[in-house]
Protein backbone atom coordinates (compact mmCIF):
# COMPACT_ATOMS: atom_id res chain seq x y z
CA GLY A 1 -10.70 7.28 16.93
CA PHE A 2 -12.56 4.10 15.79
CA THR A 3 -11.35 0.96 14.13
CA ILE A 4 -13.16 -0.08 10.86
CA SER A 5 -12.96 -3.14 8.81
CA VAL A 6 -12.62 -2.16 4.87
CA HIS A 7 -13.05 -4.91 2.17
CA ASP A 8 -10.24 -4.45 -0.31
CA GLY A 9 -11.58 -7.02 -2.66
CA ARG A 10 -9.92 -9.75 -1.27
CA LYS A 11 -9.99 -9.25 2.56
CA HIS A 12 -11.28 -7.01 5.31
CA VAL A 13 -8.42 -4.57 6.26
CA PRO A 14 -8.79 -2.79 9.65
CA ILE A 15 -8.45 0.93 9.44
CA PHE A 16 -7.89 3.22 12.34
CA ILE A 17 -10.12 6.37 11.89
CA THR A 18 -8.37 9.75 12.93
CA GLU A 19 -9.62 13.08 12.82
CA ASN A 20 -8.06 14.14 9.55
CA MET A 21 -9.30 11.13 7.76
CA VAL A 22 -13.19 12.36 8.29
CA GLY A 23 -14.53 13.61 5.02
CA HIS A 24 -12.77 10.91 3.01
CA LYS A 25 -14.06 7.89 1.52
CA LEU A 26 -13.03 4.52 3.53
CA GLY A 27 -11.65 2.68 0.28
CA GLU A 28 -8.85 5.46 0.16
CA PHE A 29 -7.28 3.97 2.99
CA ALA A 30 -7.33 0.16 1.90
CA PRO A 31 -4.95 -0.43 -0.63
CA THR A 32 -6.27 -2.78 -3.36
CA ARG A 33 -2.94 -3.58 -5.41
CA LEU A 34 0.27 -5.12 -4.31
CA PHE A 35 3.46 -3.22 -5.43
CA ARG A 36 6.32 -5.34 -6.09
CA LYS A 37 9.19 -3.05 -6.88
CA HIS A 38 10.51 -2.29 -10.16
CA SER A 39 12.92 -4.46 -12.02
CA GLY A 40 16.51 -3.08 -11.01
CA VAL A 41 19.63 -2.45 -13.53
CA LYS A 42 21.34 -5.55 -14.43
CA ALA A 43 25.07 -5.47 -14.11
CA LYS A 44 27.17 -6.61 -16.85
CA LYS A 45 29.82 -9.25 -15.90
CA GLY A 46 33.13 -8.11 -14.76
CA VAL A 47 31.69 -4.36 -14.21
CA GLU A 48 31.00 -3.46 -10.41
CA LEU A 49 28.08 -0.91 -9.85
CA THR A 50 29.17 2.12 -7.16
């Protein structure tokens, strides 16, 4: 395979191209948004979650 740098809007991300990636657009392999996990369930005082 080859290593290609793909721009994601902020920086260039190195992508290693494998055989099963052929036919796809390169931008599909460079995530553009940062996911920071959903907020969790807040525990009430004195109640323990199991």
